[in-house]
Amino acid sequence: MDYSKLSDFEVSKRVAMAIGGFIEEDFCEAHSVIFRRHGRHQYSFFEPCTNPSDAWPIIVANKINIEWHQWKDDTDKPYALSNATMISRYDDNPLRAAMIVFLMMQESANVQDNPA
């Protein structure tokens, strides 16, 4: 899948579905918002592409590294990598890069579990 074509909301939704604990009502497509339930009437937004407190547990649990690589024009660009799978991704947003690596890891695991 080409994750570069997806919006942050679409990446975040796929992450939410992969980690579980969300129901269809948690996804508000019209406003590009995902809600995380904390109780009967308690919610927060789930934004792993932009919120470190949502992304960090996923990054740590999956041992995803975030590094900065210098490009030829002397600009630095975020790079996310899983050493276990060697799946990596460049993106202007380091959290988005890490979430895409997480999704690619899930994809890779599904292929290994269900070979064609």
N, C-alpha and C. Protein backbone atom coordinates (compact mmCIF):
# COMPACT_ATOMS: atom_id res chain seq x y z
N MET A 1 0.84 -1.18 0.00
CA MET A 1 0.00 0.00 0.00
C MET A 1 0.88 1.24 0.00
N ASP A 2 0.46 2.25 -0.70
CA ASP A 2 1.19 3.52 -0.74
C ASP A 2 0.61 4.46 0.31
N TYR A 3 1.21 4.45 1.49
CA TYR A 3 0.72 5.27 2.61
C TYR A 3 0.94 6.76 2.38
N SER A 4 1.82 7.12 1.46
CA SER A 4 2.07 8.54 1.21
C SER A 4 0.83 9.24 0.65
N LYS A 5 -0.08 8.48 0.08
CA LYS A 5 -1.29 9.06 -0.50
C LYS A 5 -2.41 9.24 0.54
N LEU A 6 -2.21 8.72 1.75
CA LEU A 6 -3.23 8.80 2.79
C LEU A 6 -3.07 10.06 3.63
N SER A 7 -4.18 10.59 4.10
CA SER A 7 -4.14 11.73 5.02
C SER A 7 -3.71 11.24 6.41
N ASP A 8 -3.35 12.18 7.28
CA ASP A 8 -3.03 11.82 8.66
C ASP A 8 -4.21 11.09 9.31
N PHE A 9 -5.43 11.55 9.04
CA PHE A 9 -6.61 10.89 9.60
C PHE A 9 -6.69 9.44 9.14
N GLU A 10 -6.46 9.20 7.85
CA GLU A 10 -6.55 7.84 7.32
C GLU A 10 -5.47 6.94 7.91
N VAL A 11 -4.25 7.47 8.07
CA VAL A 11 -3.18 6.70 8.71
C VAL A 11 -3.57 6.42 10.16
N SER A 12 -4.04 7.45 10.87
CA SER A 12 -4.42 7.29 12.28
C SER A 12 -5.55 6.27 12.44
N LYS A 13 -6.50 6.29 11.53
CA LYS A 13 -7.61 5.33 11.59
C LYS A 13 -7.10 3.90 11.42
N ARG A 14 -6.18 3.71 10.50
CA ARG A 14 -5.61 2.37 10.30
C ARG A 14 -4.81 1.92 11.52
N VAL A 15 -4.11 2.87 12.15
CA VAL A 15 -3.38 2.55 13.38
C VAL A 15 -4.37 2.15 14.47
N ALA A 16 -5.44 2.92 14.63
CA ALA A 16 -6.46 2.63 15.64
C ALA A 16 -7.05 1.24 15.43
N MET A 17 -7.35 0.89 14.19
CA MET A 17 -7.91 -0.42 13.89
C MET A 17 -6.89 -1.52 14.18
N ALA A 18 -5.61 -1.26 13.93
CA ALA A 18 -4.58 -2.26 14.16
C ALA A 18 -4.35 -2.51 15.65
N ILE A 19 -4.39 -1.46 16.46
CA ILE A 19 -4.13 -1.66 17.89
C ILE A 19 -5.38 -2.12 18.64
N GLY A 20 -6.55 -1.90 18.06
CA GLY A 20 -7.80 -2.35 18.66
C GLY A 20 -8.29 -1.43 19.76
N GLY A 21 -9.44 -1.78 20.31
CA GLY A 21 -10.03 -1.00 21.38
C GLY A 21 -10.90 0.15 20.91
N PHE A 22 -11.13 0.24 19.62
CA PHE A 22 -11.97 1.29 19.06
C PHE A 22 -13.19 0.64 18.41
N ILE A 23 -14.30 1.37 18.39
CA ILE A 23 -15.49 0.88 17.71
C ILE A 23 -15.85 1.87 16.60
N GLU A 24 -16.72 1.46 15.71
CA GLU A 24 -17.04 2.28 14.53
C GLU A 24 -17.47 3.70 14.89
N GLU A 25 -18.19 3.85 16.01
CA GLU A 25 -18.65 5.18 16.43
C GLU A 25 -17.50 6.10 16.84
N ASP A 26 -16.32 5.54 17.06
CA ASP A 26 -15.16 6.35 17.45
C ASP A 26 -14.56 7.10 16.27
N PHE A 27 -14.92 6.72 15.05
CA PHE A 27 -14.35 7.33 13.86
C PHE A 27 -15.35 8.33 13.27
N CYS A 28 -15.02 9.60 13.31
CA CYS A 28 -15.90 10.64 12.77
C CYS A 28 -15.29 11.13 11.45
N GLU A 29 -15.66 10.45 10.37
CA GLU A 29 -15.10 10.76 9.05
C GLU A 29 -15.38 12.20 8.63
N ALA A 30 -16.56 12.71 8.94
CA ALA A 30 -16.96 14.05 8.50
C ALA A 30 -16.02 15.13 9.03
N HIS A 31 -15.49 14.90 10.23
CA HIS A 31 -14.60 15.90 10.83
C HIS A 31 -13.15 15.41 10.93
N SER A 32 -12.87 14.25 10.35
CA SER A 32 -11.53 13.65 10.39
C SER A 32 -11.01 13.56 11.82
N VAL A 33 -11.84 13.00 12.69
CA VAL A 33 -11.50 12.89 14.11
C VAL A 33 -11.71 11.46 14.57
N ILE A 34 -10.81 10.99 15.43
CA ILE A 34 -10.95 9.69 16.08
C ILE A 34 -11.02 9.94 17.57
N PHE A 35 -12.01 9.36 18.23
CA PHE A 35 -12.18 9.53 19.67
C PHE A 35 -11.67 8.30 20.40
N ARG A 36 -11.04 8.52 21.55
CA ARG A 36 -10.65 7.44 22.44
C ARG A 36 -11.52 7.57 23.69
N ARG A 37 -12.21 6.50 24.03
CA ARG A 37 -13.11 6.53 25.18
C ARG A 37 -12.34 6.27 26.47
N HIS A 38 -12.67 7.05 27.50
CA HIS A 38 -12.05 6.88 28.82
C HIS A 38 -13.09 6.58 29.89
N GLY A 39 -14.30 6.57 29.54
CA GLY A 39 -15.40 6.34 30.47
C GLY A 39 -16.70 6.62 29.76
N ARG A 40 -17.75 6.65 30.53
CA ARG A 40 -19.07 6.79 29.92
C ARG A 40 -19.20 8.06 29.08
N HIS A 41 -18.77 9.18 29.59
CA HIS A 41 -18.87 10.44 28.84
C HIS A 41 -17.52 11.14 28.78
N GLN A 42 -16.46 10.38 28.77
CA GLN A 42 -15.12 10.95 28.74
C GLN A 42 -14.40 10.48 27.48
N TYR A 43 -13.94 11.45 26.71
CA TYR A 43 -13.28 11.15 25.44
C TYR A 43 -12.05 12.03 25.29
N SER A 44 -11.13 11.56 24.47
CA SER A 44 -10.04 12.41 24.01
C SER A 44 -9.83 12.08 22.54
N PHE A 45 -9.12 12.94 21.85
CA PHE A 45 -8.81 12.66 20.46
C PHE A 45 -7.67 11.65 20.39
N PHE A 46 -7.68 10.80 19.37
CA PHE A 46 -6.59 9.87 19.11
C PHE A 46 -5.91 10.35 17.83
N GLU A 47 -4.70 10.88 17.96
CA GLU A 47 -3.97 11.46 16.83
C GLU A 47 -2.50 11.03 16.85
N PRO A 48 -2.22 9.78 16.55
CA PRO A 48 -0.83 9.32 16.64
C PRO A 48 0.12 9.93 15.62
N CYS A 49 -0.40 10.53 14.56
CA CYS A 49 0.48 11.18 13.58
C CYS A 49 0.92 12.57 14.03
N THR A 50 0.23 13.13 15.03
CA THR A 50 0.56 14.48 15.47
C THR A 50 0.72 14.62 16.97
N ASN A 51 0.31 13.63 17.74
CA ASN A 51 0.35 13.73 19.20
C ASN A 51 1.31 12.69 19.77
N PRO A 52 2.45 13.13 20.32
CA PRO A 52 3.42 12.17 20.87
C PRO A 52 2.85 11.26 21.95
N SER A 53 1.89 11.74 22.75
CA SER A 53 1.35 10.89 23.81
C SER A 53 0.53 9.73 23.24
N ASP A 54 -0.01 9.87 22.05
CA ASP A 54 -0.69 8.76 21.38
C ASP A 54 0.30 7.86 20.64
N ALA A 55 1.31 8.46 20.06
CA ALA A 55 2.27 7.71 19.24
C ALA A 55 3.30 6.95 20.06
N TRP A 56 3.75 7.56 21.15
CA TRP A 56 4.90 6.99 21.87
C TRP A 56 4.68 5.56 22.35
N PRO A 57 3.53 5.21 22.95
CA PRO A 57 3.35 3.81 23.36
C PRO A 57 3.47 2.82 22.20
N ILE A 58 3.01 3.21 21.03
CA ILE A 58 3.10 2.35 19.84
C ILE A 58 4.55 2.25 19.39
N ILE A 59 5.26 3.37 19.40
CA ILE A 59 6.67 3.40 19.00
C ILE A 59 7.50 2.51 19.92
N VAL A 60 7.29 2.64 21.23
CA VAL A 60 8.06 1.86 22.20
C VAL A 60 7.71 0.38 22.11
N ALA A 61 6.43 0.05 22.08
CA ALA A 61 6.00 -1.35 22.05
C ALA A 61 6.51 -2.09 20.82
N ASN A 62 6.70 -1.36 19.72
CA ASN A 62 7.14 -1.99 18.47
C ASN A 62 8.59 -1.71 18.14
N LYS A 63 9.30 -1.08 19.09
CA LYS A 63 10.74 -0.81 18.95
C LYS A 63 11.06 -0.11 17.63
N ILE A 64 10.34 0.97 17.39
CA ILE A 64 10.55 1.77 16.18
C ILE A 64 11.50 2.91 16.51
N ASN A 65 12.55 3.04 15.75
CA ASN A 65 13.53 4.12 15.93
C ASN A 65 13.12 5.32 15.09
N ILE A 66 13.37 6.50 15.62
CA ILE A 66 13.22 7.73 14.83
C ILE A 66 14.58 8.41 14.81
N GLU A 67 15.08 8.65 13.62
CA GLU A 67 16.38 9.27 13.44
C GLU A 67 16.22 10.45 12.48
N TRP A 68 17.25 11.25 12.41
CA TRP A 68 17.27 12.37 11.46
C TRP A 68 18.44 12.15 10.52
N HIS A 69 18.17 12.13 9.24
CA HIS A 69 19.21 11.95 8.24
C HIS A 69 19.41 13.25 7.47
N GLN A 70 20.66 13.55 7.22
CA GLN A 70 20.98 14.76 6.46
C GLN A 70 20.93 14.46 4.97
N TRP A 71 20.23 15.30 4.24
CA TRP A 71 20.10 15.15 2.81
C TRP A 71 21.19 15.95 2.10
N LYS A 72 21.30 15.75 0.80
CA LYS A 72 22.35 16.41 0.02
C LYS A 72 22.30 17.93 0.11
N ASP A 73 21.11 18.49 0.28
CA ASP A 73 21.01 19.95 0.35
C ASP A 73 21.14 20.47 1.79
N ASP A 74 21.71 19.65 2.67
CA ASP A 74 21.95 19.99 4.07
C ASP A 74 20.68 20.15 4.90
N THR A 75 19.56 19.66 4.42
CA THR A 75 18.37 19.65 5.25
C THR A 75 18.29 18.30 5.96
N ASP A 76 17.69 18.30 7.12
CA ASP A 76 17.49 17.06 7.86
C ASP A 76 16.07 16.56 7.64
N LYS A 77 15.94 15.25 7.53
CA LYS A 77 14.62 14.66 7.31
C LYS A 77 14.43 13.51 8.29
N PRO A 78 13.25 13.42 8.93
CA PRO A 78 12.98 12.32 9.85
C PRO A 78 12.91 10.98 9.13
N TYR A 79 13.40 9.96 9.82
CA TYR A 79 13.47 8.61 9.29
C TYR A 79 13.04 7.67 10.41
N ALA A 80 12.07 6.82 10.16
CA ALA A 80 11.63 5.83 11.14
C ALA A 80 12.03 4.45 10.64
N LEU A 81 12.46 3.60 11.58
CA LEU A 81 12.98 2.29 11.21
C LEU A 81 12.66 1.27 12.30
N SER A 82 12.28 0.08 11.89
CA SER A 82 12.18 -1.06 12.80
C SER A 82 13.39 -1.93 12.52
N ASN A 83 14.29 -2.05 13.49
CA ASN A 83 15.47 -2.89 13.30
C ASN A 83 15.09 -4.36 13.17
N ALA A 84 14.00 -4.76 13.82
CA ALA A 84 13.58 -6.16 13.77
C ALA A 84 13.14 -6.58 12.38
N THR A 85 12.48 -5.68 11.67
CA THR A 85 11.95 -6.03 10.35
C THR A 85 12.68 -5.33 9.21
N MET A 86 13.49 -4.32 9.54
CA MET A 86 14.19 -3.48 8.57
C MET A 86 13.22 -2.70 7.69
N ILE A 87 12.01 -2.50 8.17
CA ILE A 87 11.03 -1.66 7.48
C ILE A 87 11.32 -0.22 7.87
N SER A 88 11.36 0.67 6.89
CA SER A 88 11.70 2.06 7.19
C SER A 88 10.86 3.01 6.35
N ARG A 89 10.90 4.28 6.77
CA ARG A 89 10.09 5.29 6.07
C ARG A 89 10.64 6.68 6.34
N TYR A 90 10.78 7.48 5.30
CA TYR A 90 11.07 8.91 5.43
C TYR A 90 9.75 9.67 5.35
N ASP A 91 9.64 10.73 6.13
CA ASP A 91 8.48 11.61 6.05
C ASP A 91 8.87 12.92 6.70
N ASP A 92 8.23 14.01 6.32
CA ASP A 92 8.52 15.29 6.95
C ASP A 92 8.11 15.31 8.42
N ASN A 93 7.16 14.46 8.78
CA ASN A 93 6.65 14.37 10.15
C ASN A 93 7.17 13.06 10.76
N PRO A 94 8.00 13.12 11.81
CA PRO A 94 8.57 11.90 12.38
C PRO A 94 7.53 10.95 12.97
N LEU A 95 6.46 11.48 13.57
CA LEU A 95 5.44 10.60 14.14
C LEU A 95 4.67 9.88 13.04
N ARG A 96 4.37 10.59 11.98
CA ARG A 96 3.70 9.96 10.83
C ARG A 96 4.58 8.87 10.24
N ALA A 97 5.87 9.14 10.11
CA ALA A 97 6.81 8.12 9.60
C ALA A 97 6.77 6.88 10.48
N ALA A 98 6.78 7.07 11.79
CA ALA A 98 6.75 5.94 12.71
C ALA A 98 5.43 5.16 12.61
N MET A 99 4.32 5.87 12.46
CA MET A 99 3.02 5.19 12.35
C MET A 99 2.93 4.41 11.04
N ILE A 100 3.52 4.93 9.98
CA ILE A 100 3.53 4.21 8.71
C ILE A 100 4.41 2.96 8.83
N VAL A 101 5.54 3.08 9.51
CA VAL A 101 6.38 1.89 9.75
C VAL A 101 5.57 0.86 10.54
N PHE A 102 4.85 1.29 11.56
CA PHE A 102 4.00 0.38 12.34
C PHE A 102 3.00 -0.33 11.43
N LEU A 103 2.33 0.41 10.56
CA LEU A 103 1.35 -0.21 9.65
C LEU A 103 2.02 -1.17 8.68
N MET A 104 3.20 -0.82 8.19
CA MET A 104 3.93 -1.70 7.29
C MET A 104 4.35 -2.98 8.02
N MET A 105 4.70 -2.86 9.30
CA MET A 105 5.03 -4.04 10.10
C MET A 105 3.81 -4.95 10.24
N GLN A 106 2.64 -4.36 10.45
CA GLN A 106 1.41 -5.15 10.56
C GLN A 106 1.11 -5.86 9.25
N GLU A 107 1.31 -5.14 8.15
CA GLU A 107 1.11 -5.72 6.82
C GLU A 107 2.04 -6.90 6.60
N SER A 108 3.31 -6.72 6.96
CA SER A 108 4.31 -7.76 6.80
C SER A 108 3.97 -8.98 7.65
N ALA A 109 3.52 -8.76 8.87
CA ALA A 109 3.15 -9.87 9.75
C ALA A 109 1.95 -10.63 9.18
N ASN A 110 0.99 -9.91 8.60
CA ASN A 110 -0.18 -10.56 8.01
C ASN A 110 0.20 -11.41 6.81
N VAL A 111 1.14 -10.95 6.02
CA VAL A 111 1.59 -11.71 4.86
C VAL A 111 2.29 -12.99 5.31
N GLN A 112 3.12 -12.88 6.36
CA GLN A 112 3.83 -14.06 6.87
C GLN A 112 2.86 -15.07 7.47
N ASP A 113 1.80 -14.57 8.13
CA ASP A 113 0.82 -15.46 8.74
C ASP A 113 -0.11 -16.09 7.71
N ASN A 114 -0.31 -15.43 6.58
CA ASN A 114 -1.24 -15.90 5.54
C ASN A 114 -0.59 -15.88 4.17
N PRO A 115 0.45 -16.69 3.94
CA PRO A 115 1.10 -16.66 2.63
C PRO A 115 0.14 -17.14 1.54
N ALA A 116 0.30 -16.56 0.36
CA ALA A 116 -0.59 -16.91 -0.76
C ALA A 116 -0.24 -18.25 -1.34
